[in-house]
Amino acid sequence: MTEFLAELVGTMILIIFGAGVVAGVALKDSKAENGGWIVVTVAWGLAVTMGVYAVGSFSGAHLNPAVTLGFAVVGDFAWAKVPVYIAAQLIGAIIGAAIVFFNYLPHWERTKDEAAKLGVFATIPAVRKPFSNLVSEIIGTAVLVMGLLFIGANEFTEGLNPLIVGALILAIGLSLGGPTGYAINPARDLGPRIAHAILPIPGKGGSDWSYAWVPVVGPLFGGVYGAVFYKAVFVGEMGPAFWILSLVLVLVLFGAASVELRKGRTAADQLEEKIVS
């Protein structure tokens, strides 16, 4: 199996299980309907585990452009392979989403909620605040890539690594996934979103392209920063990239916080004026 095909198949498996569980929980008259957040996060962790088991020996099972780019930036992956891996991941995600569509054919018509149908394919923030949503995706993906590097630095019983990676995804989903649905993977969001746009899903509504940049830009920056942070702090390779990216991250964090705090102060002032008047 070539590395291109491995990344395609691995990402396809990831999306079949991951988007599949969301469909089961969100679509009307599914036996898993209303299964809840725990069901979704556990299945996503197992989805990554199965993808890694399937193709890890062929390509390393990145299954995520943020991982591929992060590893390349710190010298752990060849730049020449980056476009090949990312293209395979995106194609695999589209195919996986299409398979989920066919698996749940009778349920699309029965589900009237357009957001529920879009949510099977793409992430939708719990509170739509693009700047804050971007921060959540950066943090989640930075933790993901650092976690992968932590795992790689330790020795486990042969064959156990994919389970540990799945546990990492589960932990991220349970602890950090609430604000945005934790894309933490540009291919995981963009590929299925493209599938949503082109598939003949009854009553599907729009694909929310105005938000689509967040689960692409956030994970890409977070993946690079997670890898650079690991190399700087744990390996001692503290080059200019670490300081530059850290400054950018601080500006983004404080920018998002200032926007929300300013809104909070404005709301408080308006409430005070109403009380006084």
Protein backbone atom coordinates (compact mmCIF):
# COMPACT_ATOMS: atom_id res chain seq x y z
CA MET A 1 0.00 0.00 0.00
CA THR A 2 1.37 3.43 -0.92
CA GLU A 3 1.53 6.23 1.63
CA PHE A 4 -1.07 8.20 -0.36
CA LEU A 5 -3.53 5.31 -0.31
CA ALA A 6 -2.82 4.61 3.35
CA GLU A 7 -3.62 8.18 4.41
CA LEU A 8 -6.73 8.15 2.21
CA VAL A 9 -8.02 4.86 3.64
CA GLY A 10 -7.08 5.74 7.23
CA THR A 11 -8.87 9.10 7.08
CA MET A 12 -11.85 7.46 5.39
CA ILE A 13 -12.10 4.99 8.28
CA LEU A 14 -11.79 7.86 10.76
CA ILE A 15 -14.72 9.71 9.18
CA ILE A 16 -16.89 6.62 8.70
CA PHE A 17 -16.81 5.95 12.45
CA GLY A 18 -16.67 9.59 13.58
CA ALA A 19 -19.32 11.14 11.34
CA GLY A 20 -21.23 7.88 11.62
CA VAL A 21 -21.70 8.20 15.36
CA VAL A 22 -22.83 11.81 14.99
CA ALA A 23 -25.39 10.69 12.40
CA GLY A 24 -26.60 7.96 14.73
CA VAL A 25 -27.04 10.39 17.60
CA ALA A 26 -28.44 13.34 15.63
CA LEU A 27 -30.72 11.90 12.94
CA LYS A 28 -34.37 11.12 13.57
CA ASP A 29 -35.49 7.56 14.20
CA SER A 30 -31.96 6.20 14.50
CA LYS A 31 -31.67 3.64 17.29
CA ALA A 32 -28.82 5.76 18.69
CA GLU A 33 -30.82 9.02 18.58
CA ASN A 34 -30.05 11.34 21.52
CA GLY A 35 -27.14 9.15 22.60
CA GLY A 36 -25.35 12.22 23.89
CA TRP A 37 -21.88 13.72 24.06
CA ILE A 38 -20.23 10.78 25.80
CA VAL A 39 -21.27 8.42 23.02
CA VAL A 40 -19.91 10.83 20.40
CA THR A 41 -16.56 11.41 22.08
CA VAL A 42 -15.95 7.74 22.82
CA ALA A 43 -16.70 6.78 19.23
CA TRP A 44 -14.42 9.51 17.85
CA GLY A 45 -11.60 8.21 20.03
CA LEU A 46 -12.19 4.69 18.74
CA ALA A 47 -12.44 6.06 15.18
CA VAL A 48 -8.92 7.42 15.42
CA THR A 49 -7.73 4.17 17.01
CA MET A 50 -9.13 2.09 14.14
CA GLY A 51 -7.65 4.44 11.53
CA VAL A 52 -4.22 4.24 13.12
CA TYR A 53 -4.38 0.44 13.44
CA ALA A 54 -5.38 0.16 9.77
CA VAL A 55 -2.60 2.19 8.15
CA GLY A 56 -0.05 3.11 10.81
CA SER A 57 2.51 0.65 9.47
CA PHE A 58 2.24 2.10 5.96
CA SER A 59 2.22 5.89 6.45
CA GLY A 60 2.51 6.59 10.15
CA ALA A 61 -1.24 7.35 10.14
CA HIS A 62 -1.22 11.14 10.39
CA LEU A 63 -4.86 11.29 9.16
CA ASN A 64 -4.76 15.03 9.84
CA PRO A 65 -3.15 17.93 7.91
CA ALA A 66 -2.38 19.69 11.20
CA VAL A 67 -0.30 16.71 12.32
CA THR A 68 1.44 16.45 8.96
CA LEU A 69 2.27 20.16 8.85
CA GLY A 70 3.34 20.28 12.50
CA PHE A 71 5.71 17.36 12.10
CA ALA A 72 7.17 18.87 8.92
CA VAL A 73 7.82 22.25 10.56
CA VAL A 74 9.95 20.67 13.31
CA GLY A 75 11.82 18.39 10.92
CA ASP A 76 10.11 15.11 11.83
CA PHE A 77 8.51 14.71 8.40
CA ALA A 78 9.68 15.40 4.84
CA TRP A 79 8.23 18.56 3.28
CA ALA A 80 8.04 16.86 -0.11
CA LYS A 81 5.41 14.47 1.26
CA VAL A 82 3.20 17.15 2.84
CA PRO A 83 1.03 17.88 -0.26
CA VAL A 84 0.59 14.16 -0.93
CA TYR A 85 -0.53 13.42 2.63
CA ILE A 86 -2.90 16.39 2.84
CA ALA A 87 -4.50 15.60 -0.52
CA ALA A 88 -5.02 11.98 0.53
CA GLN A 89 -6.51 13.01 3.88
CA LEU A 90 -8.97 15.41 2.26
CA ILE A 91 -10.08 12.89 -0.37
CA GLY A 92 -10.43 10.16 2.26
CA ALA A 93 -12.57 12.44 4.42
CA ILE A 94 -14.91 13.21 1.51
CA ILE A 95 -15.30 9.51 0.69
CA GLY A 96 -15.88 8.60 4.33
CA ALA A 97 -18.60 11.24 4.64
CA ALA A 98 -20.29 9.96 1.48
CA ILE A 99 -20.35 6.44 2.93
CA VAL A 100 -22.05 7.77 6.07
CA PHE A 101 -24.64 9.47 3.87
CA PHE A 102 -25.49 6.18 2.18
CA ASN A 103 -25.56 4.29 5.48
CA TYR A 104 -28.27 6.58 6.88
CA LEU A 105 -30.30 7.07 3.66
CA PRO A 106 -33.85 6.87 5.14
CA HIS A 107 -33.03 9.19 8.02
CA TRP A 108 -32.15 12.38 6.14
CA GLU A 109 -35.73 12.87 4.98
CA ARG A 110 -37.08 12.15 8.45
CA THR A 111 -34.75 14.73 10.02
CA LYS A 112 -36.12 18.25 9.54
CA ASP A 113 -33.39 20.07 11.48
CA GLU A 114 -30.90 21.45 8.93
CA ALA A 115 -28.27 22.10 11.61
CA ALA A 116 -28.49 18.49 12.80
CA LYS A 117 -27.81 17.26 9.28
CA LEU A 118 -24.90 19.65 8.78
CA GLY A 119 -23.52 18.64 12.16
CA VAL A 120 -23.09 15.07 10.94
CA PHE A 121 -20.55 16.35 8.42
CA ALA A 122 -19.00 19.50 9.86
CA THR A 123 -18.44 21.17 13.21
CA ILE A 124 -20.83 23.82 14.45
CA PRO A 125 -19.81 25.98 17.44
CA ALA A 126 -22.00 25.90 20.53
CA VAL A 127 -21.65 29.70 20.76
CA ARG A 128 -20.76 31.33 17.44
CA LYS A 129 -17.87 33.64 18.29
CA PRO A 130 -15.32 33.09 15.48
CA PHE A 131 -12.37 34.63 17.35
CA SER A 132 -13.05 32.58 20.48
CA ASN A 133 -13.87 29.48 18.40
CA LEU A 134 -10.49 29.91 16.69
CA VAL A 135 -8.78 29.94 20.09
CA SER A 136 -10.54 26.70 21.08
CA GLU A 137 -9.41 24.95 17.90
CA ILE A 138 -5.84 26.20 18.37
CA ILE A 139 -5.69 24.96 21.95
CA GLY A 140 -7.25 21.57 21.18
CA THR A 141 -4.96 20.88 18.23
CA ALA A 142 -1.84 22.06 20.05
CA VAL A 143 -2.67 19.60 22.83
CA LEU A 144 -3.26 16.89 20.23
CA VAL A 145 0.11 17.29 18.50
CA MET A 146 1.99 17.66 21.78
CA GLY A 147 0.23 14.54 23.01
CA LEU A 148 1.24 12.59 19.91
CA LEU A 149 4.85 13.62 20.47
CA PHE A 150 4.60 12.66 24.16
CA ILE A 151 3.29 9.25 23.14
CA GLY A 152 6.05 8.83 20.58
CA ALA A 153 8.67 9.57 23.23
CA ASN A 154 7.53 6.63 25.36
CA GLU A 155 7.74 2.89 24.83
CA PHE A 156 4.55 0.86 25.01
CA THR A 157 3.75 -2.78 24.51
CA GLU A 158 3.75 -3.48 20.77
CA GLY A 159 0.40 -2.61 19.23
CA LEU A 160 -0.77 -0.45 22.16
CA ASN A 161 0.07 2.97 20.67
CA PRO A 162 -3.17 3.35 18.66
CA LEU A 163 -5.21 2.80 21.81
CA ILE A 164 -3.23 5.49 23.61
CA VAL A 165 -3.80 7.88 20.69
CA GLY A 166 -7.51 7.12 20.83
CA ALA A 167 -7.52 7.86 24.55
CA LEU A 168 -5.87 11.21 23.79
CA ILE A 169 -8.66 12.08 21.33
CA LEU A 170 -11.27 11.04 23.90
CA ALA A 171 -9.66 13.23 26.56
CA ILE A 172 -9.56 16.23 24.23
CA GLY A 173 -13.20 15.74 23.26
CA LEU A 174 -14.39 15.42 26.85
CA SER A 175 -12.36 18.32 28.23
CA LEU A 176 -11.89 20.81 25.39
CA GLY A 177 -14.43 19.85 22.73
CA GLY A 178 -17.53 21.59 24.08
CA PRO A 179 -17.12 25.04 22.51
CA THR A 180 -16.63 24.00 18.87
CA GLY A 181 -17.17 20.26 18.56
CA TYR A 182 -13.36 19.88 18.36
CA ALA A 183 -12.53 19.57 14.68
CA ILE A 184 -8.79 19.63 15.57
CA ASN A 185 -8.30 18.38 12.00
CA PRO A 186 -8.84 20.47 8.83
CA ALA A 187 -9.57 17.39 6.70
CA ARG A 188 -12.09 16.08 9.23
CA ASP A 189 -14.15 19.28 8.85
CA LEU A 190 -13.46 20.50 5.31
CA GLY A 191 -13.77 17.12 3.55
CA PRO A 192 -17.19 16.23 4.98
CA ARG A 193 -18.35 19.85 4.56
CA ILE A 194 -17.56 19.53 0.85
CA ALA A 195 -19.47 16.23 0.82
CA HIS A 196 -22.43 17.96 2.49
CA ALA A 197 -22.39 20.61 -0.22
CA ILE A 198 -22.42 18.16 -3.13
CA LEU A 199 -24.48 15.22 -1.84
CA PRO A 200 -28.26 15.15 -2.56
CA ILE A 201 -29.27 15.33 1.10
CA PRO A 202 -33.00 16.11 1.43
CA GLY A 203 -33.64 19.50 3.05
CA LYS A 204 -30.01 19.98 3.96
CA GLY A 205 -29.74 23.77 3.91
CA GLY A 206 -26.42 25.60 3.53
CA SER A 207 -22.96 24.25 4.36
CA ASP A 208 -22.04 27.25 6.56
CA TRP A 209 -18.98 28.29 4.55
CA SER A 210 -18.67 31.53 6.52
CA TYR A 211 -17.47 29.47 9.50
CA ALA A 212 -15.45 26.91 7.54
CA TRP A 213 -12.17 28.82 7.86
CA VAL A 214 -12.11 28.42 11.67
CA PRO A 215 -11.68 24.59 11.77
CA VAL A 216 -9.00 24.90 9.09
CA VAL A 217 -6.88 27.84 10.26
CA GLY A 218 -7.18 27.05 13.98
CA PRO A 219 -5.98 23.43 13.75
CA LEU A 220 -3.18 24.27 11.31
CA PHE A 221 -1.77 26.95 13.60
CA GLY A 222 -2.38 24.85 16.70
CA GLY A 223 -0.69 21.81 15.18
CA VAL A 224 2.40 23.77 14.23
CA TYR A 225 2.56 25.48 17.61
CA GLY A 226 2.11 22.21 19.50
CA ALA A 227 5.02 20.65 17.64
CA VAL A 228 7.25 23.72 18.03
CA PHE A 229 6.38 24.02 21.74
CA TYR A 230 7.27 20.37 22.33
CA LYS A 231 10.62 20.73 20.60
CA ALA A 232 11.40 23.95 22.46
CA VAL A 233 10.40 22.91 25.97
CA PHE A 234 10.98 19.15 26.03
CA VAL A 235 13.86 18.79 23.58
CA GLY A 236 15.54 22.16 24.09
CA GLU A 237 15.32 23.30 20.45
CA MET A 238 14.15 26.81 21.24
CA GLY A 239 14.59 28.63 17.92
CA PRO A 240 13.06 31.86 16.53
CA ALA A 241 9.93 30.02 15.36
CA PHE A 242 8.99 29.26 18.96
CA TRP A 243 9.18 32.90 20.04
CA ILE A 244 7.41 34.24 16.96
CA LEU A 245 4.56 31.73 17.18
CA SER A 246 4.28 32.24 20.94
CA LEU A 247 3.90 35.99 20.40
CA VAL A 248 1.22 35.41 17.77
CA LEU A 249 -0.60 33.00 20.11
CA VAL A 250 -0.51 35.48 22.99
CA LEU A 251 -1.92 38.21 20.73
CA VAL A 252 -4.71 35.90 19.58
CA LEU A 253 -5.55 34.82 23.14
CA PHE A 254 -5.63 38.34 24.53
CA GLY A 255 -7.45 39.63 21.46
CA ALA A 256 -10.23 37.06 21.89
CA ALA A 257 -10.42 37.70 25.63
CA SER A 258 -10.59 41.47 25.18
CA VAL A 259 -13.43 41.14 22.67
CA GLU A 260 -15.49 39.02 25.04
CA LEU A 261 -14.71 41.12 28.11
CA ARG A 262 -15.58 44.29 26.24
CA LYS A 263 -18.93 42.79 25.26
CA GLY A 264 -19.48 41.79 28.86
CA ARG A 265 -18.79 45.32 30.11
CA THR A 266 -21.13 46.79 27.49
CA ALA A 267 -23.92 44.45 28.53
CA ALA A 268 -23.36 45.32 32.18
CA ASP A 269 -23.46 49.05 31.41
CA GLN A 270 -26.70 48.67 29.49
CA LEU A 271 -28.25 46.74 32.36
CA GLU A 272 -27.16 49.40 34.84
CA GLU A 273 -28.67 52.14 32.69
CA LYS A 274 -31.99 50.28 32.57
CA ILE A 275 -31.99 49.83 36.34
CA VAL A 276 -31.16 53.49 36.98
CA SER A 277 -33.75 54.76 34.52
